[in-house]
Protein backbone atom coordinates (compact mmCIF):
# COMPACT_ATOMS: atom_id res chain seq x y z
CA MET A 1 92.06 108.42 108.70
CA LYS A 2 95.34 107.08 110.01
CA LEU A 3 96.13 103.48 109.15
CA PRO A 4 98.08 101.16 111.49
CA THR A 5 101.44 100.07 110.11
CA GLN A 6 102.99 97.77 112.69
CA SER A 7 104.43 95.31 110.19
CA GLU A 8 107.41 95.99 107.96
CA GLU A 9 105.42 94.87 104.90
CA MET A 10 102.73 97.48 105.56
CA ARG A 11 105.30 100.21 106.13
CA SER A 12 107.05 99.25 102.90
CA ALA A 13 103.72 99.22 101.04
CA VAL A 14 102.85 102.69 102.32
CA ARG A 15 106.31 103.99 101.36
CA ASP A 16 105.93 102.73 97.81
CA ALA A 17 102.33 103.92 97.55
CA ARG A 18 103.52 107.42 98.49
CA ARG A 19 105.16 107.64 95.07
CA THR A 20 101.70 108.35 93.71
CA ILE A 21 100.83 111.08 96.24
CA ALA A 22 102.37 113.99 94.29
CA PRO A 23 100.84 113.12 90.88
CA VAL A 24 97.48 112.23 92.47
CA SER A 25 97.49 115.57 94.34
CA ILE A 26 98.22 117.50 91.15
CA LEU A 27 95.53 115.68 89.22
CA SER A 28 93.07 116.12 92.10
CA PHE A 29 93.74 119.86 92.07
CA LEU A 30 93.03 119.96 88.31
CA VAL A 31 89.86 117.91 88.84
CA ALA A 32 88.84 120.37 91.57
CA LEU A 33 88.98 123.18 89.02
CA HIS A 34 86.12 121.58 87.07
CA PRO A 35 83.32 122.99 89.30
CA LEU A 36 85.08 126.36 89.11
CA THR A 37 85.07 126.11 85.31
CA ILE A 38 81.34 125.38 85.31
CA GLY A 39 80.73 128.27 87.70
CA MET A 40 82.75 130.69 85.56
CA PHE A 41 81.01 129.44 82.41
CA LEU A 42 77.55 130.06 83.87
CA LEU A 43 78.60 133.43 85.25
CA LEU A 44 79.94 134.60 81.87
CA VAL A 45 76.97 133.25 79.92
CA VAL A 46 74.39 134.94 82.13
CA ASP A 47 76.24 138.19 82.86
CA VAL A 48 78.20 138.70 79.61
CA ALA A 49 76.94 136.71 76.62
CA MET A 50 73.20 137.10 77.29
CA PRO A 51 73.17 140.87 78.11
CA GLY A 52 75.45 141.55 75.13
CA ARG A 53 73.36 139.30 72.84
CA SER A 54 76.69 137.97 71.48
CA GLY A 55 76.38 134.65 69.67
CA SER A 56 80.12 134.47 69.03
CA THR A 57 80.84 134.89 72.75
CA LEU A 58 78.33 132.16 73.58
CA LEU A 59 79.87 129.85 70.95
CA GLY A 60 83.37 130.51 72.26
CA LEU A 61 82.31 129.84 75.84
CA GLY A 62 80.59 126.63 74.74
CA LEU A 63 83.67 125.36 72.88
CA PHE A 64 85.87 126.28 75.84
CA MET A 65 83.56 124.37 78.18
CA LEU A 66 83.61 121.28 75.93
CA MET A 67 87.41 121.38 75.95
CA MET A 68 87.47 121.64 79.76
CA LEU A 69 85.06 118.71 80.04
CA GLY A 70 87.46 116.63 77.93
CA PHE A 71 90.43 117.67 80.08
CA ASN A 72 88.47 116.79 83.23
CA ALA A 73 87.68 113.29 81.90
CA VAL A 74 91.36 112.73 81.06
CA PHE A 75 92.50 113.99 84.49
CA ARG A 76 90.01 111.74 86.28
CA SER A 77 91.08 108.73 84.21
CA LEU A 78 94.77 109.35 84.92
CA ARG A 79 94.08 109.79 88.61
CA GLN A 80 92.11 106.53 88.78
CA ARG A 81 94.95 104.73 87.02
CA LEU A 82 97.44 106.09 89.54
CA MET A 83 95.15 104.99 92.37
CA MET A 84 95.07 101.46 90.94
CA ASN A 85 98.86 101.54 90.71
CA ALA A 86 98.97 102.44 94.39
CA ALA A 87 96.70 99.46 95.12
CA GLU A 88 99.05 97.27 93.08
CA PHE A 89 102.02 98.51 95.13
CA ILE A 90 100.20 97.56 98.32
CA VAL A 91 99.07 94.13 97.17
CA SER A 92 102.45 93.19 95.66
CA HIS A 93 104.14 93.95 99.00
CA ILE A 94 101.74 92.17 101.32
CA ALA A 95 100.10 89.34 99.32
CA PRO A 96 103.02 86.83 99.31
CA ARG A 97 103.80 87.33 102.99
CA LEU A 98 100.10 87.29 103.86
CA GLU A 99 99.66 83.94 102.13
CA GLU A 100 102.61 82.49 104.05
CA ALA A 101 101.51 84.00 107.38
CA THR A 102 97.88 82.88 107.10
CA GLY A 103 99.05 79.40 106.12
CA ARG A 104 101.17 79.15 109.25
CA LEU A 105 98.33 80.47 111.42
CA GLY A 106 95.97 77.96 109.83
CA GLU A 107 98.37 75.11 110.60
CA LYS A 108 98.60 76.20 114.24
CA ALA A 109 94.84 76.45 114.53
CA HIS A 110 94.36 73.16 112.63
CA ASN A 111 92.18 75.12 110.18
CA PRO A 112 94.15 75.57 106.96
CA SER A 113 91.44 77.47 105.10
CA GLY A 114 89.83 79.71 107.73
CA GLU A 115 92.44 82.46 107.93
CA GLY A 116 93.13 82.24 104.22
CA HIS A 117 89.52 82.89 103.23
CA GLN A 118 89.27 85.98 105.43
CA SER A 119 92.63 87.32 104.25
CA GLY A 120 91.55 86.90 100.64
CA ARG A 121 88.40 88.90 101.37
CA ASP A 122 90.52 91.54 103.11
CA LEU A 123 92.75 91.98 100.05
CA ASP A 124 89.63 92.25 97.90
CA ALA A 125 88.24 94.95 100.21
CA ILE A 126 91.40 97.05 99.83
CA LEU A 127 91.39 96.66 96.05
CA HIS A 128 87.67 97.48 95.89
CA LEU A 129 88.30 100.77 97.71
CA PHE A 130 90.52 101.93 94.85
CA ALA A 131 88.77 100.21 91.94
CA SER A 132 85.29 101.49 92.89
CA GLY A 133 86.42 105.12 92.92
CA SER A 134 85.48 105.49 96.59
CA ALA A 135 89.01 106.61 97.48
CA ALA A 136 89.03 109.20 94.65
CA THR A 137 85.66 110.56 95.77
CA ALA A 138 86.96 110.96 99.32
CA ILE A 139 89.98 112.88 97.98
CA ASP A 140 87.62 115.28 96.18
CA ILE A 141 86.46 116.52 99.59
CA LEU A 142 89.84 118.27 99.85
CA ALA A 143 88.75 120.55 96.98
CA ILE A 144 86.06 122.22 99.12
CA PRO A 145 88.39 125.04 100.35
CA VAL A 146 89.19 125.99 96.73
CA LEU A 147 85.49 126.14 95.84
CA LEU A 148 84.75 127.97 99.07
CA VAL A 149 87.19 130.72 98.04
CA PHE A 150 85.39 131.09 94.70
CA VAL A 151 81.95 131.35 96.31
CA THR A 152 83.26 133.78 98.92
CA ILE A 153 84.63 136.00 96.12
CA LEU A 154 81.12 136.13 94.69
CA HIS A 155 79.88 137.28 98.11
CA TRP A 156 81.04 136.57 101.62
CA TRP A 157 77.52 135.67 102.82
CA LEU A 158 77.39 132.93 100.20
CA GLY A 159 80.82 131.68 101.30
CA LEU A 160 79.67 131.62 104.93
CA ALA A 161 76.55 129.60 104.05
CA LEU A 162 78.64 127.06 102.11
CA ALA A 163 81.22 126.83 104.91
CA VAL A 164 78.60 126.16 107.62
CA THR A 165 76.83 123.55 105.50
CA ALA A 166 80.10 121.79 104.63
CA ILE A 167 81.21 121.68 108.28
CA VAL A 168 77.91 120.15 109.43
CA MET A 169 78.06 117.56 106.63
CA LEU A 170 81.64 116.65 107.56
CA VAL A 171 80.44 116.07 111.12
CA ILE A 172 77.80 113.70 109.73
CA LEU A 173 80.49 111.92 107.71
CA SER A 174 82.60 111.49 110.85
CA ARG A 175 79.55 109.98 112.59
CA ALA A 176 79.21 107.46 109.78
CA MET A 177 82.85 106.47 110.12
CA ALA A 178 82.45 106.12 113.90
CA PHE A 179 79.15 104.22 114.11
CA LEU A 180 79.20 101.89 111.09
CA PRO A 181 82.29 99.75 111.95
CA THR A 182 80.71 98.00 114.96
CA PRO A 183 78.13 95.80 113.18
CA LEU A 184 80.58 95.17 110.33
CA ARG A 185 83.26 94.01 112.80
CA GLU A 186 80.79 91.68 114.49
CA MET A 187 80.05 89.97 111.16
CA VAL A 188 83.61 88.66 110.67
CA PRO A 189 83.36 85.71 113.12
CA LEU A 190 79.85 85.00 111.87
CA TYR A 191 81.12 84.73 108.30
CA ALA A 192 83.84 82.36 109.52
CA ARG A 193 81.25 80.24 111.37
CA ARG A 194 79.02 80.08 108.29
CA HIS A 195 81.95 79.09 106.10
CA SER A 196 82.96 76.30 108.51
CA LEU A 197 79.40 74.93 108.47
CA ILE A 198 79.35 74.95 104.67
CA GLU A 199 82.71 73.15 104.53
CA ALA A 200 81.55 70.58 107.07
CA ARG A 201 78.37 69.98 105.09
CA ASN A 202 80.27 69.57 101.81
CA ASN A 203 83.13 67.47 103.17
CA THR A 204 81.17 65.14 105.42
CA ALA A 205 77.78 65.02 103.69
CA PRO A 206 77.46 61.20 103.80
CA VAL A 207 78.27 61.09 107.52
CA ILE A 208 75.87 63.95 108.29
CA ARG A 209 73.11 62.26 106.31
CA SER A 210 73.67 58.80 107.81
CA LEU A 211 73.67 60.15 111.38
CA GLY A 212 70.49 62.14 110.84
CA MET A 213 72.24 65.48 111.39
CA SER A 214 71.10 67.24 108.21
CA SER A 215 68.27 69.20 109.80
CA ARG A 216 70.44 70.31 112.72
CA ILE A 217 73.25 71.47 110.41
CA ILE A 218 70.69 73.42 108.38
CA ALA A 219 69.28 74.90 111.58
CA ALA A 220 72.73 75.99 112.73
CA TRP A 221 73.45 77.51 109.31
CA SER A 222 70.09 79.34 109.39
CA THR A 223 70.85 80.72 112.86
CA VAL A 224 74.18 82.11 111.73
CA ASN A 225 72.60 83.51 108.56
CA SER A 226 69.92 85.23 110.62
CA ALA A 227 72.57 86.84 112.83
CA ILE A 228 74.46 88.04 109.74
CA ARG A 229 71.25 89.47 108.22
CA ARG A 230 70.42 91.34 111.43
CA ARG A 231 73.83 92.99 111.48
CA VAL A 232 73.69 93.74 107.75
CA PHE A 233 70.29 95.38 108.18
CA GLN A 234 71.57 97.24 111.23
CA ALA A 235 74.57 98.59 109.33
CA GLN A 236 72.51 99.42 106.27
CA GLY A 237 69.86 101.13 108.41
CA ARG A 238 72.45 103.31 110.10
CA GLN A 239 74.10 104.18 106.82
CA GLU A 240 70.77 104.97 105.18
CA ARG A 241 69.79 107.34 108.00
CA ILE A 242 73.15 109.11 107.86
CA LEU A 243 72.98 109.30 104.05
CA LEU A 244 69.50 110.85 104.23
CA GLU A 245 70.81 113.43 106.69
CA ALA A 246 73.71 114.28 104.37
CA GLN A 247 71.45 114.55 101.33
CA ALA A 248 69.00 116.74 103.26
CA LEU A 249 71.82 119.04 104.34
CA GLN A 250 73.14 119.22 100.78
CA THR A 251 69.69 120.31 99.62
CA ILE A 252 69.41 122.81 102.46
CA GLY A 253 72.88 124.11 101.67
CA TYR A 254 72.32 124.94 98.03
CA LEU A 255 68.78 126.22 98.76
CA LEU A 256 70.25 128.53 101.39
CA VAL A 257 72.93 129.74 99.00
CA GLY A 258 70.31 130.13 96.27
CA ILE A 259 67.99 132.15 98.50
CA LEU A 260 70.82 134.38 99.68
CA ALA A 261 72.05 134.86 96.10
CA ALA A 262 68.52 135.67 94.94
CA TRP A 263 68.06 138.18 97.76
CA LEU A 264 71.42 139.77 96.91
CA SER A 265 70.33 139.94 93.27
CA ILE A 266 67.00 141.55 94.21
CA THR A 267 68.72 144.15 96.39
CA GLY A 268 71.24 144.87 93.65
CA HIS A 269 74.26 143.37 95.46
CA ALA A 270 74.70 140.47 92.99
CA SER A 271 73.87 139.56 89.43
CA GLY A 272 71.80 136.74 88.01
CA GLY A 273 75.01 135.01 87.00
CA VAL A 274 76.14 135.01 90.63
CA LEU A 275 72.85 133.38 91.61
CA ILE A 276 73.19 130.50 89.15
CA ALA A 277 76.96 130.03 89.54
CA SER A 278 76.90 130.00 93.35
CA VAL A 279 74.09 127.42 93.50
CA VAL A 280 75.77 125.06 90.99
CA VAL A 281 79.22 125.35 92.60
CA THR A 282 77.71 124.75 96.04
CA LEU A 283 75.97 121.63 94.76
CA LEU A 284 79.19 120.33 93.18
CA ALA A 285 81.27 121.22 96.27
CA LEU A 286 79.01 119.24 98.64
CA ARG A 287 78.51 116.22 96.35
CA PRO A 288 81.80 114.45 97.32
CA ILE A 289 80.72 114.48 100.97
CA VAL A 290 77.39 112.84 100.11
CA GLU A 291 79.09 110.25 97.90
CA THR A 292 81.65 109.47 100.60
CA VAL A 293 78.83 108.91 103.10
CA ARG A 294 77.22 106.63 100.52
CA ASN A 295 80.51 104.70 100.15
CA ALA A 296 81.32 104.75 103.87
CA GLN A 297 80.91 100.98 104.18
CA VAL A 298 83.47 100.40 101.41
CA ILE A 299 85.95 102.68 103.16
CA ILE A 300 85.34 101.11 106.57
CA ASN A 301 85.63 97.58 105.14
CA ALA A 302 88.99 98.51 103.62
CA ARG A 303 90.24 100.06 106.86
CA GLN A 304 89.21 97.03 108.93
CA ALA A 305 90.78 94.74 106.33
CA TRP A 306 94.01 96.75 106.49
CA THR A 307 94.04 96.48 110.29
CA ARG A 308 93.48 92.71 110.26
CA ILE A 309 96.19 92.16 107.65
CA ASP A 310 98.63 94.36 109.57
CA THR A 311 97.88 92.43 112.77
CA ILE A 312 98.54 89.08 111.05
CA LEU A 313 101.78 90.23 109.45
CA SER A 314 103.09 91.78 112.66
CA SER A 315 102.22 88.69 114.75
CA VAL A 316 103.77 86.11 112.39
CA HIS A 317 107.42 86.84 111.84
CA PRO A 318 108.75 86.09 108.36
CA GLN A 319 110.74 82.92 107.97
CA SER A 320 114.46 83.45 107.74
CA VAL A 321 116.04 83.14 104.32
CA SER A 322 117.53 79.66 103.98
CA ILE A 323 120.77 78.91 102.19
CA ALA A 324 120.36 76.65 99.17
CA LEU A 325 121.61 73.21 100.20
CA PRO A 326 122.74 70.37 97.95
CA ALA A 327 120.20 67.68 97.19
CA PRO A 328 120.26 64.87 99.80
CA VAL A 329 121.53 61.53 98.52
CA ALA A 330 122.76 59.52 101.52
CA ARG A 331 121.03 59.51 104.92
CA LEU A 332 117.93 60.21 106.97
CA GLU A 333 118.56 60.72 110.70
CA VAL A 334 115.81 61.11 113.29
CA GLU A 335 117.15 62.41 116.60
CA GLY A 336 114.83 62.16 119.60
CA ILE A 337 111.86 63.83 117.94
CA ALA A 338 108.59 64.61 119.65
CA VAL A 339 105.61 65.53 117.43
CA ALA A 340 102.45 67.34 118.45
CA PRO A 341 99.23 67.70 116.43
CA ALA A 342 98.62 71.16 114.95
CA GLY A 343 97.30 73.59 117.53
CA GLN A 344 98.52 71.49 120.49
CA LYS A 345 101.66 71.72 122.61
CA ARG A 346 101.60 68.27 124.17
CA PRO A 347 103.30 65.70 121.90
CA THR A 348 101.56 62.46 121.04
CA VAL A 349 104.78 60.95 119.65
CA PHE A 350 108.05 61.36 121.52
CA ASN A 351 111.63 60.10 121.87
CA ILE A 352 111.86 58.59 118.38
CA ASN A 353 115.39 57.79 117.18
CA PHE A 354 116.52 55.98 114.07
CA ALA A 355 118.70 56.38 110.98
CA LEU A 356 118.36 55.08 107.43
CA ALA A 357 120.65 55.04 104.42
CA ALA A 358 119.92 55.39 100.72
CA GLY A 359 117.98 52.38 99.48
CA ASP A 360 116.50 51.48 102.88
CA ILE A 361 112.79 50.77 103.27
CA LEU A 362 111.33 51.25 106.76
CA VAL A 363 107.92 49.92 107.79
CA VAL A 364 106.43 51.52 110.91
CA LEU A 365 104.34 49.03 112.85
CA GLY A 366 102.19 49.42 115.91
CA PRO A 367 98.63 49.13 117.20
CA ALA A 368 95.92 51.55 116.13
CA GLY A 369 96.34 54.92 117.81
CA ALA A 370 100.03 54.36 118.52
CA GLY A 371 100.99 57.51 116.61
CA LYS A 372 102.17 56.17 113.26
CA SER A 373 100.46 58.85 111.14
CA ILE A 374 101.59 61.76 113.30
CA LEU A 375 105.15 60.40 113.25
CA LEU A 376 105.18 60.25 109.44
CA ALA A 377 103.76 63.77 109.24
CA GLY A 378 106.57 64.96 111.51
CA LEU A 379 109.21 63.35 109.31
CA VAL A 380 108.23 65.52 106.33
CA GLY A 381 107.47 68.72 108.27
CA ALA A 382 103.69 68.43 107.86
CA GLN A 383 103.35 68.52 111.67
CA PRO A 384 105.53 70.62 113.97
CA LEU A 385 108.33 69.07 115.99
CA VAL A 386 108.15 69.88 119.69
CA SER A 387 111.73 68.73 120.11
CA GLY A 388 114.46 66.81 118.31
CA LYS A 389 115.62 67.01 114.72
CA VAL A 390 114.96 65.28 111.41
CA ARG A 391 118.04 65.52 109.19
CA LEU A 392 118.67 64.84 105.52
CA ASP A 393 122.39 64.35 104.90
CA GLY A 394 123.05 66.13 108.20
CA ALA A 395 120.92 69.23 107.54
CA ALA A 396 117.86 69.62 109.79
CA LEU A 397 114.54 70.25 108.06
CA ASP A 398 114.31 73.77 109.50
CA GLN A 399 117.54 74.70 107.68
CA TRP A 400 115.87 74.19 104.30
CA ASP A 401 113.68 76.57 102.35
CA THR A 402 110.24 74.94 102.36
CA ASP A 403 109.88 74.82 98.57
CA GLN A 404 113.41 73.48 98.14
CA LEU A 405 112.81 70.86 100.83
CA GLY A 406 109.52 69.82 99.25
CA ALA A 407 111.29 68.98 96.00
CA HIS A 408 113.24 66.24 97.87
CA ILE A 409 110.20 64.76 99.64
CA GLY A 410 107.35 62.63 98.36
CA TYR A 411 104.49 62.35 100.87
CA LEU A 412 101.24 60.42 100.63
CA PRO A 413 99.06 60.96 103.72
CA GLN A 414 96.02 58.84 104.53
CA GLY A 415 93.69 61.64 103.44
CA ILE A 416 95.55 62.14 100.11
CA ASP A 417 94.41 65.83 100.13
CA LEU A 418 94.20 66.62 96.42
CA MET A 419 94.08 70.26 95.35
CA PRO A 420 91.40 71.77 93.07
CA GLY A 421 92.81 71.24 89.60
CA SER A 422 93.41 68.63 86.96
CA VAL A 423 95.17 65.29 87.36
CA ALA A 424 98.21 66.73 85.58
CA GLU A 425 98.32 69.81 87.83
CA ASN A 426 98.12 67.70 90.97
CA ILE A 427 100.86 65.34 89.79
CA ALA A 428 103.11 68.31 88.96
CA ARG A 429 102.42 69.86 92.39
CA PHE A 430 101.21 72.92 90.43
CA HIS A 431 104.70 73.62 89.07
CA GLY A 432 103.96 75.91 86.14
CA GLU A 433 107.17 74.90 84.38
CA ALA A 434 106.61 71.12 84.70
CA THR A 435 106.84 69.34 81.36
CA ALA A 436 104.45 66.72 80.03
CA GLU A 437 107.32 64.23 80.05
CA GLU A 438 107.89 64.76 83.80
CA ILE A 439 104.18 64.36 84.57
CA VAL A 440 103.87 61.17 82.52
CA ALA A 441 107.11 59.83 84.04
CA ALA A 442 105.72 60.28 87.57
CA ALA A 443 102.46 58.57 86.63
CA THR A 444 104.40 55.77 84.94
CA ALA A 445 106.58 55.33 88.05
CA ALA A 446 103.36 54.90 90.03
CA ASN A 447 102.08 52.44 87.38
CA ALA A 448 99.09 54.77 86.94
CA HIS A 449 99.58 56.12 83.41
CA ASP A 450 97.20 53.61 81.79
CA SER A 451 94.57 54.42 84.41
CA PHE A 452 94.82 58.18 83.85
CA VAL A 453 94.64 58.08 80.05
CA ARG A 454 91.37 56.13 80.34
CA LEU A 455 89.73 58.91 82.38
CA PRO A 456 87.01 60.95 80.58
CA GLU A 457 89.40 63.86 79.97
CA GLY A 458 92.66 62.02 80.46
CA TYR A 459 95.23 64.00 82.42
CA ASN A 460 92.92 67.05 82.23
CA THR A 461 90.26 65.33 84.34
CA PRO A 462 89.57 67.27 87.58
CA GLY A 463 91.40 65.55 90.43
CA ARG A 464 88.44 65.75 92.78
CA HIS A 465 86.24 63.69 90.44
CA LEU A 466 88.21 60.50 91.03
CA SER A 467 87.38 57.41 93.04
CA LEU A 468 89.35 56.64 96.19
CA SER A 469 91.62 54.15 94.43
CA GLN A 470 92.21 56.56 91.53
CA ALA A 471 92.90 59.39 93.96
CA GLN A 472 95.43 57.19 95.76
CA ARG A 473 97.20 56.48 92.46
CA LEU A 474 97.22 60.21 91.80
CA GLY A 475 98.64 60.89 95.26
CA LEU A 476 101.37 58.31 94.66
CA SER A 477 102.20 59.88 91.28
CA ARG A 478 102.43 63.30 92.96
CA ALA A 479 104.75 61.87 95.61
CA LEU A 480 107.03 60.38 92.93
CA PHE A 481 107.15 63.56 90.82
CA ARG A 482 110.78 64.37 89.90
CA ASN A 483 112.14 61.39 91.89
CA PRO A 484 112.44 62.80 95.44
CA PHE A 485 114.98 61.32 97.85
CA LEU A 486 112.68 60.72 100.84
CA LEU A 487 109.35 58.96 100.23
CA VAL A 488 106.85 58.73 103.09
CA PHE A 489 103.60 56.79 102.59
CA ASP A 490 100.84 56.46 105.20
CA GLU A 491 98.60 53.42 104.63
CA PRO A 492 99.39 53.51 100.90
CA THR A 493 97.39 50.39 100.03
CA ALA A 494 94.33 51.10 102.15
CA HIS A 495 92.04 51.61 99.12
CA ALA A 496 93.95 49.37 96.70
CA ASP A 497 92.92 46.06 95.23
CA LYS A 498 95.47 43.28 94.74
CA ALA A 499 96.62 44.61 91.37
CA ALA A 500 97.03 48.15 92.67
CA GLU A 501 98.92 46.82 95.69
CA GLN A 502 101.38 45.03 93.39
CA ASP A 503 101.78 48.20 91.33
CA PHE A 504 102.64 50.10 94.51
CA ILE A 505 105.18 47.49 95.58
CA LEU A 506 106.82 47.72 92.17
CA ALA A 507 106.98 51.54 92.45
CA VAL A 508 108.66 51.28 95.86
CA GLU A 509 111.19 48.75 94.60
CA GLN A 510 112.04 51.05 91.69
CA ALA A 511 112.51 53.95 94.12
CA LYS A 512 114.77 51.77 96.26
CA ALA A 513 116.81 50.86 93.19
CA ARG A 514 117.54 54.51 92.39
CA GLY A 515 118.66 55.17 95.99
CA ALA A 516 115.58 56.67 97.62
CA ILE A 517 114.72 56.17 101.30
CA VAL A 518 111.15 54.92 101.79
CA VAL A 519 109.16 55.06 105.04
CA LEU A 520 105.84 53.19 105.14
CA ALA A 521 103.10 52.84 107.72
CA GLY A 522 100.57 50.06 107.30
CA ASN A 523 99.76 46.53 108.29
CA ALA A 524 99.60 44.96 104.83
CA ARG A 525 101.82 41.89 104.63
CA ALA A 526 103.14 43.01 101.24
CA LEU A 527 104.65 46.15 102.82
CA LEU A 528 106.51 44.07 105.39
CA GLU A 529 107.86 41.78 102.72
CA ILE A 530 109.74 44.59 100.92
CA ALA A 531 111.01 46.28 104.10
CA THR A 532 114.66 46.35 105.07
CA HIS A 533 113.99 47.86 108.51
CA VAL A 534 111.13 47.88 111.01
CA LEU A 535 110.20 50.48 113.64
CA PHE A 536 107.65 49.36 116.22
CA ILE A 537 105.88 52.04 118.24
CA ARG A 538 103.40 51.77 121.06
CA ASP A 539 101.73 54.58 123.04
CA GLY A 540 103.61 57.20 121.05
CA THR A 541 107.15 55.94 121.57
CA ALA A 542 109.46 53.46 119.85
CA THR A 543 109.80 50.07 121.49
CA ASP A 544 112.05 48.49 118.85
CA PHE A 545 114.00 49.42 115.73
CA GLY A 546 116.48 47.60 113.50
CA GLY A 547 116.83 45.26 110.58
CA LYS A 548 113.57 43.60 109.63
CA GLN A 549 114.39 40.05 110.61
CA ALA A 550 116.04 41.01 113.89
CA VAL A 551 113.07 43.12 114.98
CA LEU A 552 110.52 40.50 113.93
CA ASP A 553 112.47 37.84 115.88
CA ARG A 554 112.50 40.03 119.00
CA ILE A 555 108.78 40.75 118.65
CA ALA A 556 108.05 37.04 118.25
CA GLY A 557 110.20 36.27 121.29
CA ARG A 558 108.35 38.78 123.45
CA ARG A 559 105.03 37.40 122.23
CA ARG A 560 106.04 33.85 123.23
CA ILE A 561 107.05 35.07 126.68
CA GLN A 562 103.68 36.82 127.09
CA GLU A 563 101.80 33.72 125.98
CA ASN A 564 103.90 31.35 128.17
CA PRO A 565 105.10 33.37 131.17
CA ALA A 566 107.79 31.87 133.43
CA PRO A 567 106.37 30.43 136.68
CA ASP A 568 106.77 32.37 139.89
CA PRO A 569 109.81 30.88 141.78
CA ALA A 570 108.05 31.46 145.08
CA SER A 571 105.33 29.05 144.06
CA ALA A 572 107.63 26.30 142.65
CA PRO A 573 107.50 22.91 144.45
CA GLU A 574 110.36 21.98 146.75
CA ASP A 575 112.21 18.64 146.68
CA ALA A 576 113.11 16.65 149.70
CA ASN A 577 116.26 18.70 150.28
CA GLY A 578 114.30 21.95 150.40
CA THR A 579 115.60 23.33 147.04
CA ILE A 580 113.34 24.99 144.42
CA GLU A 581 112.59 22.67 141.54
CA GLN A 582 113.62 24.26 138.17
CA THR A 583 111.12 24.12 135.29
CA ASP A 584 111.77 24.65 131.64
CA SER A 585 109.95 27.54 130.04
CA LYS A 586 109.39 28.00 126.36
């Protein structure tokens, strides 16, 4: 079964996994000798020890067989360990890149979890192939020629019967591998659909309930479940039929060998030991084929998983290695950027230009739907730029390693988007090496420490068990973790009471004092009061930018003109000399 290896990661994984081929082959050969040992034991017991009535011979053969059974157990254990090492080689090569690639695909499709869930299941399928022993059982099929030689030595008719039976059973195995993948492949999009319905139900339960959609969501979920069950039953039915055929042929095979051996014994061409040994060896030779048919779904799942992973890795090129840049301390420059929502090519925000220096606070104003949130997401790299550049101290965002860049950015989106984990883990952005002092310092900077220590489990309280206002304090603490240079907050006081709003203002002023650049979007008057600059956008583009007072004066001037438009000169009254009378306009 040839596996596709289009991606460099898969080729590298296969190269490293090949290190185990030689030792696994040697151990498999030693494991293959076990049925031969049993056959020889039975042959010697029946044809030597019993006719000679030798108890010492029987005892020696029994002790020898016990020793061989112990060796066989050790060889099988070592082989399984090597197989798990091969699985570890594969996973260690592809898991990090797979996580990065599926994340980027999820961002493009505006579905961050969909690809990731399937890729996780695919990795599990590959590991299960090795951990369940299915791969080792399939390898044992390669021992059939060795056992066939032994049976043929006993008598060539017996070897012929075993060969024919094995060939027919291998044909059945190939049928299983050919026919079972179709219903399994069809289940992948159904699983994704079911998962999306479950997520929608969990994430928007109040909306679904208030709009009377509960029964329809349940009906849609039931429809998908029914389709999955039909395909599961179809696959299981096919596999069961093929397994019954393989088991029937195994029975026919050793019965045929037994009958031939008995006839040869009756006619004096073989001994009783040949009869027993040939039947047992035939049964043991054909068993790996039956077990592989039984485990066909595991093997097929792993092969399909491998193909999907290889397709993802080959379609998403790895990000280039970025040079470590010095921490930004001076400027933010936005050069003609256009930002498009994930999964779309047409920008909703375009031609945005401005620059800020350390200590500046920018408030982005504009009517609802103007594009404020998508602009802020573009500033921190959370949404792709269609064109233009965002620069920190001259270096564009795409020149930074993403983790290194993230250390210099604090971002609080409207949705907050907390991760599963404790308050402390969310504040620390899941940095394993973060200290308690750093976590408490971030919470203190957000004026949230007192709130967190009063939670039922303090900083160990699960982040998703918080109220909206508590979650917003947690999001602010996460944004302030380790004092990033660029702070971007989208509607940061939307769920805050007056006290929480004042705490936020104080946190921003402290960030300004240490030299951070702060960008805010929101219509709260308190945000405008602390701003040094204002950017006004309408219909996705900037209509004004500059110092706060200058921009507010220009906005007020335009508003006065709109409220008191200048009269049309063509309609002005004429004086006696025929000239147009001038009127003052405010």
